[in-house]
Amino acid sequence: MIGDLIAAAIGRKIDLRDGKGGTLGALAGVATWKVARKAVPAAIVIGGAYAALRYLNRKLDGAAAPA
C-alpha cells in the first residue's frame, strides 16, 4: 500500500513536468510498481536457475573428461 502511494507520487511528479497534469503519471507509476513487484523476484529465480544449470553442466563436463 505504501509502495503504491510512493509510486503514484513519483509518477505524478514526472508527469507534471509537461505542465498539463499528473493523473496519468500517477497511474503509470502504480502500474509500473505492481509489475516490478512481480517481475523482479521471478527474474532472480530464473537467473539463479540458469546459473545453477551452467555450473552443473561445467562440473559434469569436467568430471567426464579423462584425467
PDB file of N, CA and C in Angstrom:
ATOM      1  N   MET A   1       0.824  -1.184   0.000  1.00  0.00           N
ATOM      2  CA  MET A   1       0.000   0.000   0.000  1.00  0.00           C
ATOM      3  C   MET A   1       0.869   1.247   0.000  1.00  0.00           C
ATOM      4  N   ILE A   2       1.864   1.271   0.868  1.00  0.00           N
ATOM      5  CA  ILE A   2       2.745   2.433   0.920  1.00  0.00           C
ATOM      6  C   ILE A   2       3.546   2.525  -0.374  1.00  0.00           C
ATOM      7  N   GLY A   3       3.950   1.377  -0.904  1.00  0.00           N
ATOM      8  CA  GLY A   3       4.676   1.364  -2.174  1.00  0.00           C
ATOM      9  C   GLY A   3       3.849   1.949  -3.308  1.00  0.00           C
ATOM     10  N   ASP A   4       2.544   1.653  -3.308  1.00  0.00           N
ATOM     11  CA  ASP A   4       1.660   2.216  -4.327  1.00  0.00           C
ATOM     12  C   ASP A   4       1.591   3.736  -4.210  1.00  0.00           C
ATOM     13  N   LEU A   5       1.531   4.229  -2.998  1.00  0.00           N
ATOM     14  CA  LEU A   5       1.478   5.683  -2.794  1.00  0.00           C
ATOM     15  C   LEU A   5       2.771   6.350  -3.245  1.00  0.00           C
ATOM     16  N   ILE A   6       3.895   5.742  -2.914  1.00  0.00           N
ATOM     17  CA  ILE A   6       5.180   6.302  -3.320  1.00  0.00           C
ATOM     18  C   ILE A   6       5.302   6.282  -4.843  1.00  0.00           C
ATOM     19  N   ALA A   7       4.907   5.167  -5.461  1.00  0.00           N
ATOM     20  CA  ALA A   7       4.969   5.060  -6.922  1.00  0.00           C
ATOM     21  C   ALA A   7       4.056   6.089  -7.580  1.00  0.00           C
ATOM     22  N   ALA A   8       2.873   6.306  -7.016  1.00  0.00           N
ATOM     23  CA  ALA A   8       1.951   7.305  -7.563  1.00  0.00           C
ATOM     24  C   ALA A   8       2.538   8.708  -7.445  1.00  0.00           C
ATOM     25  N   ALA A   9       3.170   9.000  -6.320  1.00  0.00           N
ATOM     26  CA  ALA A   9       3.768  10.329  -6.126  1.00  0.00           C
ATOM     27  C   ALA A   9       4.908  10.557  -7.110  1.00  0.00           C
ATOM     28  N   ILE A  10       5.729   9.546  -7.305  1.00  0.00           N
ATOM     29  CA  ILE A  10       6.842   9.683  -8.249  1.00  0.00           C
ATOM     30  C   ILE A  10       6.320   9.843  -9.673  1.00  0.00           C
ATOM     31  N   GLY A  11       5.350   9.022 -10.057  1.00  0.00           N
ATOM     32  CA  GLY A  11       4.757   9.130 -11.385  1.00  0.00           C
ATOM     33  C   GLY A  11       4.088  10.468 -11.615  1.00  0.00           C
ATOM     34  N   ARG A  12       3.422  10.990 -10.601  1.00  0.00           N
ATOM     35  CA  ARG A  12       2.764  12.299 -10.711  1.00  0.00           C
ATOM     36  C   ARG A  12       3.792  13.400 -10.914  1.00  0.00           C
ATOM     37  N   LYS A  13       4.882  13.342 -10.149  1.00  0.00           N
ATOM     38  CA  LYS A  13       5.946  14.349 -10.284  1.00  0.00           C
ATOM     39  C   LYS A  13       6.535  14.328 -11.693  1.00  0.00           C
ATOM     40  N   ILE A  14       6.758  13.137 -12.222  1.00  0.00           N
ATOM     41  CA  ILE A  14       7.314  13.026 -13.567  1.00  0.00           C
ATOM     42  C   ILE A  14       6.342  13.588 -14.595  1.00  0.00           C
ATOM     43  N   ASP A  15       5.050  13.290 -14.436  1.00  0.00           N
ATOM     44  CA  ASP A  15       4.054  13.750 -15.400  1.00  0.00           C
ATOM     45  C   ASP A  15       3.796  15.250 -15.292  1.00  0.00           C
ATOM     46  N   LEU A  16       4.027  15.849 -14.161  1.00  0.00           N
ATOM     47  CA  LEU A  16       3.802  17.290 -14.009  1.00  0.00           C
ATOM     48  C   LEU A  16       4.847  18.131 -14.733  1.00  0.00           C
ATOM     49  N   ARG A  17       5.906  17.524 -15.186  1.00  0.00           N
ATOM     50  CA  ARG A  17       6.960  18.271 -15.881  1.00  0.00           C
ATOM     51  C   ARG A  17       6.456  18.953 -17.145  1.00  0.00           C
ATOM     52  N   ASP A  18       5.458  18.355 -17.802  1.00  0.00           N
ATOM     53  CA  ASP A  18       4.949  18.961 -19.026  1.00  0.00           C
ATOM     54  C   ASP A  18       3.918  20.047 -18.745  1.00  0.00           C
ATOM     55  N   GLY A  19       3.503  20.201 -17.499  1.00  0.00           N
ATOM     56  CA  GLY A  19       2.602  21.277 -17.113  1.00  0.00           C
ATOM     57  C   GLY A  19       1.135  20.997 -17.333  1.00  0.00           C
ATOM     58  N   LYS A  20       0.764  19.796 -17.759  1.00  0.00           N
ATOM     59  CA  LYS A  20      -0.633  19.500 -18.050  1.00  0.00           C
ATOM     60  C   LYS A  20      -1.351  18.836 -16.885  1.00  0.00           C
ATOM     61  N   GLY A  21      -0.728  17.970 -16.185  1.00  0.00           N
ATOM     62  CA  GLY A  21      -1.385  17.272 -15.091  1.00  0.00           C
ATOM     63  C   GLY A  21      -0.573  16.087 -14.654  1.00  0.00           C
ATOM     64  N   GLY A  22      -1.033  15.400 -13.609  1.00  0.00           N
ATOM     65  CA  GLY A  22      -0.246  14.304 -13.088  1.00  0.00           C
ATOM     66  C   GLY A  22      -1.004  13.019 -12.889  1.00  0.00           C
ATOM     67  N   THR A  23      -2.266  12.950 -13.267  1.00  0.00           N
ATOM     68  CA  THR A  23      -3.065  11.759 -13.024  1.00  0.00           C
ATOM     69  C   THR A  23      -2.564  10.570 -13.833  1.00  0.00           C
ATOM     70  N   LEU A  24      -2.292  10.783 -15.098  1.00  0.00           N
ATOM     71  CA  LEU A  24      -1.812   9.697 -15.946  1.00  0.00           C
ATOM     72  C   LEU A  24      -0.466   9.185 -15.441  1.00  0.00           C
ATOM     73  N   GLY A  25       0.402  10.081 -15.012  1.00  0.00           N
ATOM     74  CA  GLY A  25       1.695   9.677 -14.472  1.00  0.00           C
ATOM     75  C   GLY A  25       1.543   8.878 -13.194  1.00  0.00           C
ATOM     76  N   ALA A  26       0.592   9.276 -12.357  1.00  0.00           N
ATOM     77  CA  ALA A  26       0.348   8.547 -11.113  1.00  0.00           C
ATOM     78  C   ALA A  26      -0.124   7.132 -11.412  1.00  0.00           C
ATOM     79  N   LEU A  27      -1.015   6.989 -12.371  1.00  0.00           N
ATOM     80  CA  LEU A  27      -1.489   5.656 -12.752  1.00  0.00           C
ATOM     81  C   LEU A  27      -0.367   4.826 -13.364  1.00  0.00           C
ATOM     82  N   ALA A  28       0.459   5.449 -14.191  1.00  0.00           N
ATOM     83  CA  ALA A  28       1.582   4.734 -14.794  1.00  0.00           C
ATOM     84  C   ALA A  28       2.585   4.311 -13.723  1.00  0.00           C
ATOM     85  N   GLY A  29       2.819   5.161 -12.734  1.00  0.00           N
ATOM     86  CA  GLY A  29       3.736   4.820 -11.657  1.00  0.00           C
ATOM     87  C   GLY A  29       3.252   3.628 -10.852  1.00  0.00           C
ATOM     88  N   VAL A  30       1.978   3.601 -10.532  1.00  0.00           N
ATOM     89  CA  VAL A  30       1.417   2.483  -9.766  1.00  0.00           C
ATOM     90  C   VAL A  30       1.456   1.201 -10.591  1.00  0.00           C
ATOM     91  N   ALA A  31       1.119   1.299 -11.871  1.00  0.00           N
ATOM     92  CA  ALA A  31       1.146   0.102 -12.731  1.00  0.00           C
ATOM     93  C   ALA A  31       2.570  -0.446 -12.849  1.00  0.00           C
ATOM     94  N   THR A  32       3.538   0.439 -13.003  1.00  0.00           N
ATOM     95  CA  THR A  32       4.931   0.007 -13.097  1.00  0.00           C
ATOM     96  C   THR A  32       5.371  -0.663 -11.815  1.00  0.00           C
ATOM     97  N   TRP A  33       4.982  -0.107 -10.674  1.00  0.00           N
ATOM     98  CA  TRP A  33       5.338  -0.686  -9.375  1.00  0.00           C
ATOM     99  C   TRP A  33       4.751  -2.082  -9.226  1.00  0.00           C
ATOM    100  N   LYS A  34       3.492  -2.255  -9.617  1.00  0.00           N
ATOM    101  CA  LYS A  34       2.847  -3.560  -9.469  1.00  0.00           C
ATOM    102  C   LYS A  34       3.500  -4.611 -10.370  1.00  0.00           C
ATOM    103  N   VAL A  35       3.877  -4.231 -11.579  1.00  0.00           N
ATOM    104  CA  VAL A  35       4.546  -5.165 -12.480  1.00  0.00           C
ATOM    105  C   VAL A  35       5.938  -5.494 -11.948  1.00  0.00           C
ATOM    106  N   ALA A  36       6.661  -4.492 -11.479  1.00  0.00           N
ATOM    107  CA  ALA A  36       8.022  -4.710 -10.984  1.00  0.00           C
ATOM    108  C   ALA A  36       8.030  -5.605  -9.749  1.00  0.00           C
ATOM    109  N   ARG A  37       7.020  -5.477  -8.901  1.00  0.00           N
ATOM    110  CA  ARG A  37       6.957  -6.326  -7.705  1.00  0.00           C
ATOM    111  C   ARG A  37       6.843  -7.797  -8.066  1.00  0.00           C
ATOM    112  N   LYS A  38       6.245  -8.097  -9.194  1.00  0.00           N
ATOM    113  CA  LYS A  38       6.102  -9.495  -9.627  1.00  0.00           C
ATOM    114  C   LYS A  38       7.279  -9.937 -10.491  1.00  0.00           C
ATOM    115  N   ALA A  39       7.782  -9.061 -11.337  1.00  0.00           N
ATOM    116  CA  ALA A  39       8.790  -9.444 -12.322  1.00  0.00           C
ATOM    117  C   ALA A  39      10.185  -9.589 -11.723  1.00  0.00           C
ATOM    118  N   VAL A  40      10.557  -8.748 -10.788  1.00  0.00           N
ATOM    119  CA  VAL A  40      11.916  -8.789 -10.247  1.00  0.00           C
ATOM    120  C   VAL A  40      12.195 -10.107  -9.512  1.00  0.00           C
ATOM    121  N   PRO A  41      11.339 -10.567  -8.605  1.00  0.00           N
ATOM    122  CA  PRO A  41      11.620 -11.861  -7.973  1.00  0.00           C
ATOM    123  C   PRO A  41      11.648 -13.022  -8.982  1.00  0.00           C
ATOM    124  N   ALA A  42      10.796 -12.968  -9.976  1.00  0.00           N
ATOM    125  CA  ALA A  42      10.794 -14.012 -10.995  1.00  0.00           C
ATOM    126  C   ALA A  42      12.101 -14.006 -11.776  1.00  0.00           C
ATOM    127  N   ALA A  43      12.611 -12.831 -12.089  1.00  0.00           N
ATOM    128  CA  ALA A  43      13.881 -12.724 -12.807  1.00  0.00           C
ATOM    129  C   ALA A  43      15.033 -13.258 -11.962  1.00  0.00           C
ATOM    130  N   ILE A  44      14.987 -13.013 -10.657  1.00  0.00           N
ATOM    131  CA  ILE A  44      16.029 -13.524  -9.766  1.00  0.00           C
ATOM    132  C   ILE A  44      16.006 -15.052  -9.743  1.00  0.00           C
ATOM    133  N   VAL A  45      14.827 -15.639  -9.650  1.00  0.00           N
ATOM    134  CA  VAL A  45      14.704 -17.099  -9.631  1.00  0.00           C
ATOM    135  C   VAL A  45      15.175 -17.695 -10.953  1.00  0.00           C
ATOM    136  N   ILE A  46      14.763 -17.113 -12.063  1.00  0.00           N
ATOM    137  CA  ILE A  46      15.174 -17.631 -13.374  1.00  0.00           C
ATOM    138  C   ILE A  46      16.684 -17.480 -13.552  1.00  0.00           C
ATOM    139  N   GLY A  47      17.234 -16.360 -13.123  1.00  0.00           N
ATOM    140  CA  GLY A  47      18.678 -16.168 -13.214  1.00  0.00           C
ATOM    141  C   GLY A  47      19.450 -17.157 -12.357  1.00  0.00           C
ATOM    142  N   GLY A  48      18.955 -17.433 -11.156  1.00  0.00           N
ATOM    143  CA  GLY A  48      19.592 -18.413 -10.283  1.00  0.00           C
ATOM    144  C   GLY A  48      19.540 -19.813 -10.864  1.00  0.00           C
ATOM    145  N   ALA A  49      18.421 -20.165 -11.455  1.00  0.00           N
ATOM    146  CA  ALA A  49      18.295 -21.479 -12.086  1.00  0.00           C
ATOM    147  C   ALA A  49      19.245 -21.605 -13.271  1.00  0.00           C
ATOM    148  N   TYR A  50      19.378 -20.556 -14.040  1.00  0.00           N
ATOM    149  CA  TYR A  50      20.291 -20.571 -15.185  1.00  0.00           C
ATOM    150  C   TYR A  50      21.739 -20.691 -14.719  1.00  0.00           C
ATOM    151  N   ALA A  51      22.093 -19.954 -13.668  1.00  0.00           N
ATOM    152  CA  ALA A  51      23.456 -20.042 -13.131  1.00  0.00           C
ATOM    153  C   ALA A  51      23.739 -21.451 -12.599  1.00  0.00           C
ATOM    154  N   ALA A  52      22.780 -22.052 -11.928  1.00  0.00           N
ATOM    155  CA  ALA A  52      22.960 -23.410 -11.418  1.00  0.00           C
ATOM    156  C   ALA A  52      23.098 -24.405 -12.559  1.00  0.00           C
ATOM    157  N   LEU A  53      22.328 -24.229 -13.609  1.00  0.00           N
ATOM    158  CA  LEU A  53      22.421 -25.105 -14.773  1.00  0.00           C
ATOM    159  C   LEU A  53      23.807 -25.015 -15.415  1.00  0.00           C
ATOM    160  N   ARG A  54      24.304 -23.807 -15.584  1.00  0.00           N
ATOM    161  CA  ARG A  54      25.647 -23.635 -16.165  1.00  0.00           C
ATOM    162  C   ARG A  54      26.710 -24.257 -15.270  1.00  0.00           C
ATOM    163  N   TYR A  55      26.574 -24.055 -13.956  1.00  0.00           N
ATOM    164  CA  TYR A  55      27.544 -24.625 -13.013  1.00  0.00           C
ATOM    165  C   TYR A  55      27.550 -26.147 -13.095  1.00  0.00           C
ATOM    166  N   LEU A  56      26.366 -26.737 -13.081  1.00  0.00           N
ATOM    167  CA  LEU A  56      26.284 -28.202 -13.144  1.00  0.00           C
ATOM    168  C   LEU A  56      26.796 -28.746 -14.473  1.00  0.00           C
ATOM    169  N   ASN A  57      26.490 -28.054 -15.569  1.00  0.00           N
ATOM    170  CA  ASN A  57      26.992 -28.502 -16.871  1.00  0.00           C
ATOM    171  C   ASN A  57      28.511 -28.469 -16.901  1.00  0.00           C
ATOM    172  N   ARG A  58      29.107 -27.425 -16.389  1.00  0.00           N
ATOM    173  CA  ARG A  58      30.565 -27.335 -16.367  1.00  0.00           C
ATOM    174  C   ARG A  58      31.167 -28.386 -15.440  1.00  0.00           C
ATOM    175  N   LYS A  59      30.530 -28.615 -14.316  1.00  0.00           N
ATOM    176  CA  LYS A  59      31.040 -29.601 -13.357  1.00  0.00           C
ATOM    177  C   LYS A  59      30.979 -31.005 -13.948  1.00  0.00           C
ATOM    178  N   LEU A  60      29.857 -31.338 -14.588  1.00  0.00           N
ATOM    179  CA  LEU A  60      29.706 -32.669 -15.184  1.00  0.00           C
ATOM    180  C   LEU A  60      30.626 -32.860 -16.377  1.00  0.00           C
ATOM    181  N   ASP A  61      30.823 -31.829 -17.179  1.00  0.00           N
ATOM    182  CA  ASP A  61      31.737 -31.936 -18.332  1.00  0.00           C
ATOM    183  C   ASP A  61      33.160 -32.128 -17.853  1.00  0.00           C
ATOM    184  N   GLY A  62      33.534 -31.470 -16.781  1.00  0.00           N
ATOM    185  CA  GLY A  62      34.884 -31.613 -16.234  1.00  0.00           C
ATOM    186  C   GLY A  62      35.105 -32.985 -15.633  1.00  0.00           C
ATOM    187  N   ALA A  63      34.085 -33.594 -15.035  1.00  0.00           N
ATOM    188  CA  ALA A  63      34.217 -34.921 -14.423  1.00  0.00           C
ATOM    189  C   ALA A  63      34.270 -36.011 -15.489  1.00  0.00           C
ATOM    190  N   ALA A  64      33.650 -35.799 -16.635  1.00  0.00           N
ATOM    191  CA  ALA A  64      33.609 -36.809 -17.684  1.00  0.00           C
ATOM    192  C   ALA A  64      34.893 -36.844 -18.492  1.00  0.00           C
ATOM    193  N   ALA A  65      35.675 -35.768 -18.482  1.00  0.00           N
ATOM    194  CA  ALA A  65      36.909 -35.715 -19.262  1.00  0.00           C
ATOM    195  C   ALA A  65      37.966 -36.620 -18.632  1.00  0.00           C
ATOM    196  N   PRO A  66      38.710 -37.343 -19.463  1.00  0.00           N
ATOM    197  CA  PRO A  66      39.761 -38.221 -18.914  1.00  0.00           C
ATOM    198  C   PRO A  66      40.872 -37.399 -18.286  1.00  0.00           C
ATOM    199  N   ALA A  67      41.428 -37.891 -17.187  1.00  0.00           N
ATOM    200  CA  ALA A  67      42.447 -37.145 -16.455  1.00  0.00           C
ATOM    201  C   ALA A  67      43.834 -37.446 -16.926  1.00  0.00           C
TER     202      ALA A  67
END
